[in-house]
Amino acid sequence: MPLTIRQFPCLSDNYGFIFRDEASGRTACVDTPDAQAVLAALDDAGWGLDFILNTHWHPDHAGGNAQVQAATGAKIVGPAEVTRIAPLDRTVADGDVVEVGETRFAVIGCGGHTLGHVAYFAREAHVAFVGDTLFALGCGRVFEGTAQQMWTSLDRLAALPGDTAVYCAHEYTASNARFALSVDPDPAVKARAEAVFAARARGEATVPTTIALERATNPFLRAPQLAGMPGAPDYESFAAIRAAKDSFKG
């Protein structure tokens, strides 16, 4: 079923997302990084709001829940960890389904950045909202989980259909591209980095990306080929690449 998605920048480098299931008119936002920005986007679209879909508990993702709910009456859906900072109307975890009108979102557990982080994947709409787990040319820092948990989560997302549009929550792509160039000599990475730098120079967003593009050029998904650790478990190769990014100064 058709899904209309509106993306808008907020805070210093976040993206907010609102969407509408056109078959039913039901609407949702993904996270609430900036309540005023979410409400302004809804006003600009002329939409009400039925649901808030949280990916994880961090304040730049769930900090606007109360204000947005008070203004719209939306039901708040998210992993249990969100209750650390805001109440939930429905708690979801891996394997659950969230329906926004006729659009069905599979809830994918993808902990690592935070322990209970989830993504929302609509197979028929070819869309995934992935929060801070997978970024364009990057991935989230491992704050609460382990490298093995984060690698498993990234591997799960990488297994989605290649044409899936990936809506990640931050505009980190130019920085990620500079790191990717430092560890991956593949010409496809160089070509993508050049396109990213040009897009950012024009003030254009680099989100959404696609699963196919990330499989081909994202150094974290390519870690087993890049880390130079033959015979090591894939998650150890990922840990090595993640540690290199954490200390990267380029």
C-alpha atoms as a PDB file:
ATOM      1  CA  MET A   1       0.000   0.000   0.000  1.00  0.00           C
ATOM      2  CA  PRO A   2       1.248   3.543  -0.706  1.00  0.00           C
ATOM      3  CA  LEU A   3       3.106   5.182   2.137  1.00  0.00           C
ATOM      4  CA  THR A   4       3.844   8.908   2.072  1.00  0.00           C
ATOM      5  CA  ILE A   5       6.938   9.796   4.103  1.00  0.00           C
ATOM      6  CA  ARG A   6       8.031  13.296   5.055  1.00  0.00           C
ATOM      7  CA  GLN A   7      11.561  13.774   6.357  1.00  0.00           C
ATOM      8  CA  PHE A   8      12.846  16.911   8.086  1.00  0.00           C
ATOM      9  CA  PRO A   9      16.090  17.945   9.786  1.00  0.00           C
ATOM     10  CA  CYS A  10      16.051  18.871  13.461  1.00  0.00           C
ATOM     11  CA  LEU A  11      18.409  19.397  16.394  1.00  0.00           C
ATOM     12  CA  SER A  12      22.021  19.543  15.200  1.00  0.00           C
ATOM     13  CA  ASP A  13      22.081  16.518  12.911  1.00  0.00           C
ATOM     14  CA  ASN A  14      18.914  14.460  13.494  1.00  0.00           C
ATOM     15  CA  TYR A  15      16.218  13.608  11.011  1.00  0.00           C
ATOM     16  CA  GLY A  16      12.581  13.334  11.989  1.00  0.00           C
ATOM     17  CA  PHE A  17      10.045  11.314  10.001  1.00  0.00           C
ATOM     18  CA  ILE A  18       6.295  11.448   9.726  1.00  0.00           C
ATOM     19  CA  PHE A  19       4.352   9.157   7.436  1.00  0.00           C
ATOM     20  CA  ARG A  20       0.833   8.460   6.273  1.00  0.00           C
ATOM     21  CA  ASP A  21      -0.740   5.197   5.147  1.00  0.00           C
ATOM     22  CA  GLU A  22      -2.673   6.467   2.145  1.00  0.00           C
ATOM     23  CA  ALA A  23      -5.161   3.590   2.123  1.00  0.00           C
ATOM     24  CA  SER A  24      -6.475   4.492   5.574  1.00  0.00           C
ATOM     25  CA  GLY A  25      -5.205   7.986   6.308  1.00  0.00           C
ATOM     26  CA  ARG A  26      -3.550   6.754   9.504  1.00  0.00           C
ATOM     27  CA  THR A  27      -0.350   8.514  10.444  1.00  0.00           C
ATOM     28  CA  ALA A  28       2.735   8.064  12.597  1.00  0.00           C
ATOM     29  CA  CYS A  29       6.028   9.666  13.450  1.00  0.00           C
ATOM     30  CA  VAL A  30       9.222   7.737  14.052  1.00  0.00           C
ATOM     31  CA  ASP A  31      10.770   8.983  17.288  1.00  0.00           C
ATOM     32  CA  THR A  32      10.378  12.502  18.655  1.00  0.00           C
ATOM     33  CA  PRO A  33      13.814  14.115  18.473  1.00  0.00           C
ATOM     34  CA  ASP A  34      12.346  17.615  18.630  1.00  0.00           C
ATOM     35  CA  ALA A  35       8.684  17.951  19.568  1.00  0.00           C
ATOM     36  CA  GLN A  36       8.250  21.363  17.986  1.00  0.00           C
ATOM     37  CA  ALA A  37       9.770  20.182  14.721  1.00  0.00           C
ATOM     38  CA  VAL A  38       7.499  17.128  14.656  1.00  0.00           C
ATOM     39  CA  LEU A  39       4.416  19.250  15.302  1.00  0.00           C
ATOM     40  CA  ALA A  40       5.472  21.795  12.674  1.00  0.00           C
ATOM     41  CA  ALA A  41       5.913  18.997  10.104  1.00  0.00           C
ATOM     42  CA  LEU A  42       2.455  17.648  10.910  1.00  0.00           C
ATOM     43  CA  ASP A  43       0.973  21.118  10.606  1.00  0.00           C
ATOM     44  CA  ASP A  44       2.712  21.669   7.268  1.00  0.00           C
ATOM     45  CA  ALA A  45       1.347  18.351   5.986  1.00  0.00           C
ATOM     46  CA  GLY A  46      -2.135  19.000   7.373  1.00  0.00           C
ATOM     47  CA  TRP A  47      -2.029  15.680   9.233  1.00  0.00           C
ATOM     48  CA  GLY A  48      -3.086  14.545  12.660  1.00  0.00           C
ATOM     49  CA  LEU A  49      -1.022  11.891  14.411  1.00  0.00           C
ATOM     50  CA  ASP A  50      -2.140   8.413  15.434  1.00  0.00           C
ATOM     51  CA  PHE A  51       1.112   6.800  16.587  1.00  0.00           C
ATOM     52  CA  ILE A  52       4.600   7.577  17.828  1.00  0.00           C
ATOM     53  CA  LEU A  53       6.966   4.705  16.977  1.00  0.00           C
ATOM     54  CA  ASN A  54      10.067   4.842  19.146  1.00  0.00           C
ATOM     55  CA  THR A  55      13.245   2.987  18.175  1.00  0.00           C
ATOM     56  CA  HIS A  56      15.103   3.426  21.495  1.00  0.00           C
ATOM     57  CA  TRP A  57      15.189   5.416  24.697  1.00  0.00           C
ATOM     58  CA  HIS A  58      17.794   8.113  24.022  1.00  0.00           C
ATOM     59  CA  PRO A  59      16.479  11.673  24.598  1.00  0.00           C
ATOM     60  CA  ASP A  60      17.094  12.704  20.977  1.00  0.00           C
ATOM     61  CA  HIS A  61      14.664   9.929  19.991  1.00  0.00           C
ATOM     62  CA  ALA A  62      12.057   9.783  22.752  1.00  0.00           C
ATOM     63  CA  GLY A  63      12.518  13.090  24.534  1.00  0.00           C
ATOM     64  CA  GLY A  64       9.605  14.756  22.755  1.00  0.00           C
ATOM     65  CA  ASN A  65       7.098  11.958  23.415  1.00  0.00           C
ATOM     66  CA  ALA A  66       5.095  13.697  26.130  1.00  0.00           C
ATOM     67  CA  GLN A  67       4.753  16.989  24.277  1.00  0.00           C
ATOM     68  CA  VAL A  68       3.811  15.382  20.976  1.00  0.00           C
ATOM     69  CA  GLN A  69       1.303  13.081  22.647  1.00  0.00           C
ATOM     70  CA  ALA A  70      -0.252  15.966  24.579  1.00  0.00           C
ATOM     71  CA  ALA A  71      -0.684  17.945  21.364  1.00  0.00           C
ATOM     72  CA  THR A  72      -1.987  15.100  19.182  1.00  0.00           C
ATOM     73  CA  GLY A  73      -3.321  12.279  21.351  1.00  0.00           C
ATOM     74  CA  ALA A  74      -1.051   9.813  19.553  1.00  0.00           C
ATOM     75  CA  LYS A  75      -0.424   6.393  21.075  1.00  0.00           C
ATOM     76  CA  ILE A  76       3.217   5.751  21.961  1.00  0.00           C
ATOM     77  CA  VAL A  77       4.714   2.457  20.807  1.00  0.00           C
ATOM     78  CA  GLY A  78       8.238   1.297  21.524  1.00  0.00           C
ATOM     79  CA  PRO A  79      10.620  -1.071  23.284  1.00  0.00           C
ATOM     80  CA  ALA A  80      10.379  -1.373  27.054  1.00  0.00           C
ATOM     81  CA  GLU A  81      13.572   0.622  27.565  1.00  0.00           C
ATOM     82  CA  VAL A  82      11.741   3.811  26.497  1.00  0.00           C
ATOM     83  CA  THR A  83       9.993   3.809  29.869  1.00  0.00           C
ATOM     84  CA  ARG A  84      13.297   4.984  31.318  1.00  0.00           C
ATOM     85  CA  ILE A  85      12.278   8.460  30.170  1.00  0.00           C
ATOM     86  CA  ALA A  86       8.623   8.299  29.032  1.00  0.00           C
ATOM     87  CA  PRO A  87       5.535   6.062  29.421  1.00  0.00           C
ATOM     88  CA  LEU A  88       4.440   3.722  26.641  1.00  0.00           C
ATOM     89  CA  ASP A  89       0.936   2.818  25.489  1.00  0.00           C
ATOM     90  CA  ARG A  90       2.232  -0.358  23.855  1.00  0.00           C
ATOM     91  CA  THR A  91       5.481  -2.193  24.444  1.00  0.00           C
ATOM     92  CA  VAL A  92       6.951  -4.044  21.461  1.00  0.00           C
ATOM     93  CA  ALA A  93       9.899  -6.352  20.914  1.00  0.00           C
ATOM     94  CA  ASP A  94      11.423  -8.481  18.187  1.00  0.00           C
ATOM     95  CA  GLY A  95       8.808 -10.416  16.227  1.00  0.00           C
ATOM     96  CA  ASP A  96       5.893  -8.132  17.002  1.00  0.00           C
ATOM     97  CA  VAL A  97       3.852  -6.390  14.294  1.00  0.00           C
ATOM     98  CA  VAL A  98       2.683  -2.789  14.349  1.00  0.00           C
ATOM     99  CA  GLU A  99      -0.120  -1.817  11.982  1.00  0.00           C
ATOM    100  CA  VAL A 100      -0.485   1.767  10.849  1.00  0.00           C
ATOM    101  CA  GLY A 101      -3.650   1.535   8.816  1.00  0.00           C
ATOM    102  CA  GLU A 102      -2.988  -1.106   6.183  1.00  0.00           C
ATOM    103  CA  THR A 103       0.798  -0.864   6.454  1.00  0.00           C
ATOM    104  CA  ARG A 104       2.266  -3.654   8.562  1.00  0.00           C
ATOM    105  CA  PHE A 105       5.606  -3.065  10.234  1.00  0.00           C
ATOM    106  CA  ALA A 106       7.627  -5.993  11.509  1.00  0.00           C
ATOM    107  CA  VAL A 107       9.488  -5.091  14.686  1.00  0.00           C
ATOM    108  CA  ILE A 108      13.124  -6.159  14.405  1.00  0.00           C
ATOM    109  CA  GLY A 109      15.188  -6.367  17.567  1.00  0.00           C
ATOM    110  CA  CYS A 110      18.524  -4.717  16.826  1.00  0.00           C
ATOM    111  CA  GLY A 111      20.199  -4.087  20.139  1.00  0.00           C
ATOM    112  CA  GLY A 112      23.772  -2.954  20.552  1.00  0.00           C
ATOM    113  CA  HIS A 113      23.574   0.830  20.444  1.00  0.00           C
ATOM    114  CA  THR A 114      21.106   0.360  23.286  1.00  0.00           C
ATOM    115  CA  LEU A 115      20.081  -3.026  24.597  1.00  0.00           C
ATOM    116  CA  GLY A 116      16.442  -2.851  23.531  1.00  0.00           C
ATOM    117  CA  HIS A 117      16.759  -0.907  20.271  1.00  0.00           C
ATOM    118  CA  VAL A 118      14.254  -1.900  17.569  1.00  0.00           C
ATOM    119  CA  ALA A 119      13.711  -1.144  13.892  1.00  0.00           C
ATOM    120  CA  TYR A 120      10.410  -1.051  12.000  1.00  0.00           C
ATOM    121  CA  PHE A 121      10.292  -2.796   8.610  1.00  0.00           C
ATOM    122  CA  ALA A 122       7.364  -2.615   6.172  1.00  0.00           C
ATOM    123  CA  ARG A 123       8.046  -5.284   3.565  1.00  0.00           C
ATOM    124  CA  GLU A 124       5.301  -4.310   1.135  1.00  0.00           C
ATOM    125  CA  ALA A 125       6.275  -0.637   1.302  1.00  0.00           C
ATOM    126  CA  HIS A 126      10.001  -1.463   1.005  1.00  0.00           C
ATOM    127  CA  VAL A 127      10.814   0.780   3.973  1.00  0.00           C
ATOM    128  CA  ALA A 128      12.799   0.354   7.194  1.00  0.00           C
ATOM    129  CA  PHE A 129      13.160   2.895   9.992  1.00  0.00           C
ATOM    130  CA  VAL A 130      16.364   1.858  11.742  1.00  0.00           C
ATOM    131  CA  GLY A 131      17.054   4.556  14.335  1.00  0.00           C
ATOM    132  CA  ASP A 132      20.725   4.558  15.346  1.00  0.00           C
ATOM    133  CA  THR A 133      21.654   0.975  14.463  1.00  0.00           C
ATOM    134  CA  LEU A 134      22.545   1.352  10.782  1.00  0.00           C
ATOM    135  CA  PHE A 135      23.619   4.638   9.180  1.00  0.00           C
ATOM    136  CA  ALA A 136      24.458   5.555   5.614  1.00  0.00           C
ATOM    137  CA  LEU A 137      28.066   4.306   5.375  1.00  0.00           C
ATOM    138  CA  GLY A 138      28.115   3.746   9.127  1.00  0.00           C
ATOM    139  CA  CYS A 139      26.537   2.318  12.243  1.00  0.00           C
ATOM    140  CA  GLY A 140      25.780   3.486  15.759  1.00  0.00           C
ATOM    141  CA  ARG A 141      28.267   3.384  18.581  1.00  0.00           C
ATOM    142  CA  VAL A 142      28.013   0.365  20.850  1.00  0.00           C
ATOM    143  CA  PHE A 143      26.924   2.069  24.062  1.00  0.00           C
ATOM    144  CA  GLU A 144      25.039  -0.627  25.966  1.00  0.00           C
ATOM    145  CA  GLY A 145      25.410  -3.898  24.115  1.00  0.00           C
ATOM    146  CA  THR A 146      28.366  -5.905  22.870  1.00  0.00           C
ATOM    147  CA  ALA A 147      30.136  -6.004  19.544  1.00  0.00           C
ATOM    148  CA  GLN A 148      28.669  -9.447  18.955  1.00  0.00           C
ATOM    149  CA  GLN A 149      25.149  -8.160  19.616  1.00  0.00           C
ATOM    150  CA  MET A 150      25.651  -5.158  17.336  1.00  0.00           C
ATOM    151  CA  TRP A 151      27.093  -7.297  14.544  1.00  0.00           C
ATOM    152  CA  THR A 152      24.120  -9.653  14.799  1.00  0.00           C
ATOM    153  CA  SER A 153      21.775  -6.680  14.545  1.00  0.00           C
ATOM    154  CA  LEU A 154      23.552  -5.241  11.515  1.00  0.00           C
ATOM    155  CA  ASP A 155      23.586  -8.665   9.883  1.00  0.00           C
ATOM    156  CA  ARG A 156      19.821  -8.926  10.387  1.00  0.00           C
ATOM    157  CA  LEU A 157      19.252  -5.565   8.741  1.00  0.00           C
ATOM    158  CA  ALA A 158      21.650  -6.394   5.903  1.00  0.00           C
ATOM    159  CA  ALA A 159      19.526  -9.466   5.167  1.00  0.00           C
ATOM    160  CA  LEU A 160      16.504  -7.318   4.280  1.00  0.00           C
ATOM    161  CA  PRO A 161      15.650  -6.992   0.575  1.00  0.00           C
ATOM    162  CA  GLY A 162      18.164  -4.854  -1.292  1.00  0.00           C
ATOM    163  CA  ASP A 163      15.546  -2.364  -2.475  1.00  0.00           C
ATOM    164  CA  THR A 164      14.519  -1.517   1.085  1.00  0.00           C
ATOM    165  CA  ALA A 165      14.728   2.232   1.685  1.00  0.00           C
ATOM    166  CA  VAL A 166      16.638   2.756   4.933  1.00  0.00           C
ATOM    167  CA  TYR A 167      15.638   5.770   7.013  1.00  0.00           C
ATOM    168  CA  CYS A 168      18.340   6.333   9.609  1.00  0.00           C
ATOM    169  CA  ALA A 169      18.134   9.061  12.189  1.00  0.00           C
ATOM    170  CA  HIS A 170      21.235  11.211  11.685  1.00  0.00           C
ATOM    171  CA  GLU A 171      23.107  13.030   8.920  1.00  0.00           C
ATOM    172  CA  TYR A 172      26.513  11.517   9.630  1.00  0.00           C
ATOM    173  CA  THR A 173      27.265  10.379   6.099  1.00  0.00           C
ATOM    174  CA  ALA A 174      30.103  12.754   5.156  1.00  0.00           C
ATOM    175  CA  SER A 175      32.032  11.844   8.307  1.00  0.00           C
ATOM    176  CA  ASN A 176      31.277   8.184   7.720  1.00  0.00           C
ATOM    177  CA  ALA A 177      32.484   8.487   4.130  1.00  0.00           C
ATOM    178  CA  ARG A 178      35.829   9.917   5.234  1.00  0.00           C
ATOM    179  CA  PHE A 179      36.317   6.941   7.527  1.00  0.00           C
ATOM    180  CA  ALA A 180      35.196   4.474   4.856  1.00  0.00           C
ATOM    181  CA  LEU A 181      37.841   5.845   2.492  1.00  0.00           C
ATOM    182  CA  SER A 182      40.492   5.218   5.157  1.00  0.00           C
ATOM    183  CA  VAL A 183      39.751   1.494   5.448  1.00  0.00           C
ATOM    184  CA  ASP A 184      38.263   0.430   2.119  1.00  0.00           C
ATOM    185  CA  PRO A 185      40.015   0.954  -1.243  1.00  0.00           C
ATOM    186  CA  ASP A 186      37.076  -0.340  -3.268  1.00  0.00           C
ATOM    187  CA  PRO A 187      36.339   2.042  -6.187  1.00  0.00           C
ATOM    188  CA  ALA A 188      32.636   1.863  -5.351  1.00  0.00           C
ATOM    189  CA  VAL A 189      33.370   3.394  -1.951  1.00  0.00           C
ATOM    190  CA  LYS A 190      35.354   6.227  -3.521  1.00  0.00           C
ATOM    191  CA  ALA A 191      32.570   6.915  -6.003  1.00  0.00           C
ATOM    192  CA  ARG A 192      29.961   6.939  -3.278  1.00  0.00           C
ATOM    193  CA  ALA A 193      32.032   9.192  -1.047  1.00  0.00           C
ATOM    194  CA  GLU A 194      32.434  11.703  -3.856  1.00  0.00           C
ATOM    195  CA  ALA A 195      28.682  11.690  -4.425  1.00  0.00           C
ATOM    196  CA  VAL A 196      28.073  12.187  -0.688  1.00  0.00           C
ATOM    197  CA  PHE A 197      30.473  15.122  -0.455  1.00  0.00           C
ATOM    198  CA  ALA A 198      28.856  16.755  -3.491  1.00  0.00           C
ATOM    199  CA  ALA A 199      25.353  16.256  -2.095  1.00  0.00           C
ATOM    200  CA  ARG A 200      26.281  17.750   1.261  1.00  0.00           C
ATOM    201  CA  ALA A 201      27.962  20.722  -0.458  1.00  0.00           C
ATOM    202  CA  ARG A 202      24.607  21.368  -2.138  1.00  0.00           C
ATOM    203  CA  GLY A 203      22.826  21.069   1.213  1.00  0.00           C
ATOM    204  CA  GLU A 204      21.090  17.830   0.215  1.00  0.00           C
ATOM    205  CA  ALA A 205      20.220  14.961   2.542  1.00  0.00           C
ATOM    206  CA  THR A 206      21.961  11.625   2.117  1.00  0.00           C
ATOM    207  CA  VAL A 207      19.094   9.788   3.825  1.00  0.00           C
ATOM    208  CA  PRO A 208      17.372   7.526   2.906  1.00  0.00           C
ATOM    209  CA  THR A 209      19.870   5.004   1.651  1.00  0.00           C
ATOM    210  CA  THR A 210      19.168   1.408   0.590  1.00  0.00           C
ATOM    211  CA  ILE A 211      20.149  -1.965   1.928  1.00  0.00           C
ATOM    212  CA  ALA A 212      21.846  -2.839  -1.378  1.00  0.00           C
ATOM    213  CA  LEU A 213      23.975   0.300  -1.280  1.00  0.00           C
ATOM    214  CA  GLU A 214      24.989  -0.353   2.311  1.00  0.00           C
ATOM    215  CA  ARG A 215      25.890  -3.952   1.601  1.00  0.00           C
ATOM    216  CA  ALA A 216      28.164  -2.768  -1.199  1.00  0.00           C
ATOM    217  CA  THR A 217      29.905   0.169   0.480  1.00  0.00           C
ATOM    218  CA  ASN A 218      29.325   0.323   4.245  1.00  0.00           C
ATOM    219  CA  PRO A 219      32.592  -0.634   6.018  1.00  0.00           C
ATOM    220  CA  PHE A 220      30.737  -2.040   9.017  1.00  0.00           C
ATOM    221  CA  LEU A 221      28.743  -4.471   6.899  1.00  0.00           C
ATOM    222  CA  ARG A 222      31.952  -5.286   4.999  1.00  0.00           C
ATOM    223  CA  ALA A 223      34.020  -5.694   8.163  1.00  0.00           C
ATOM    224  CA  PRO A 224      34.899  -9.387   7.619  1.00  0.00           C
ATOM    225  CA  GLN A 225      36.478  -8.436   4.281  1.00  0.00           C
ATOM    226  CA  LEU A 226      38.273  -5.351   5.611  1.00  0.00           C
ATOM    227  CA  ALA A 227      39.599  -6.109   9.077  1.00  0.00           C
ATOM    228  CA  GLY A 228      42.429  -8.395   7.988  1.00  0.00           C
ATOM    229  CA  MET A 229      41.553 -11.050  10.588  1.00  0.00           C
ATOM    230  CA  PRO A 230      41.235 -14.325   8.651  1.00  0.00           C
ATOM    231  CA  GLY A 231      39.611 -17.055  10.663  1.00  0.00           C
ATOM    232  CA  ALA A 232      38.265 -14.669  13.305  1.00  0.00           C
ATOM    233  CA  PRO A 233      34.534 -14.563  13.995  1.00  0.00           C
ATOM    234  CA  ASP A 234      32.787 -11.896  11.965  1.00  0.00           C
ATOM    235  CA  TYR A 235      31.829  -9.963  15.084  1.00  0.00           C
ATOM    236  CA  GLU A 236      35.499  -9.622  16.050  1.00  0.00           C
ATOM    237  CA  SER A 237      36.233  -8.125  12.647  1.00  0.00           C
ATOM    238  CA  PHE A 238      33.328  -5.762  13.195  1.00  0.00           C
ATOM    239  CA  ALA A 239      34.687  -4.833  16.634  1.00  0.00           C
ATOM    240  CA  ALA A 240      38.043  -3.944  15.071  1.00  0.00           C
ATOM    241  CA  ILE A 241      36.451  -1.673  12.469  1.00  0.00           C
ATOM    242  CA  ARG A 242      34.177  -0.079  15.077  1.00  0.00           C
ATOM    243  CA  ALA A 243      37.164   0.609  17.353  1.00  0.00           C
ATOM    244  CA  ALA A 244      39.011   2.209  14.429  1.00  0.00           C
ATOM    245  CA  LYS A 245      36.040   4.477  13.745  1.00  0.00           C
ATOM    246  CA  ASP A 246      35.740   5.418  17.415  1.00  0.00           C
ATOM    247  CA  SER A 247      39.306   6.780  17.357  1.00  0.00           C
ATOM    248  CA  PHE A 248      39.224   8.164  13.802  1.00  0.00           C
ATOM    249  CA  LYS A 249      40.148  11.855  13.559  1.00  0.00           C
ATOM    250  CA  GLY A 250      39.674  12.462   9.827  1.00  0.00           C
END
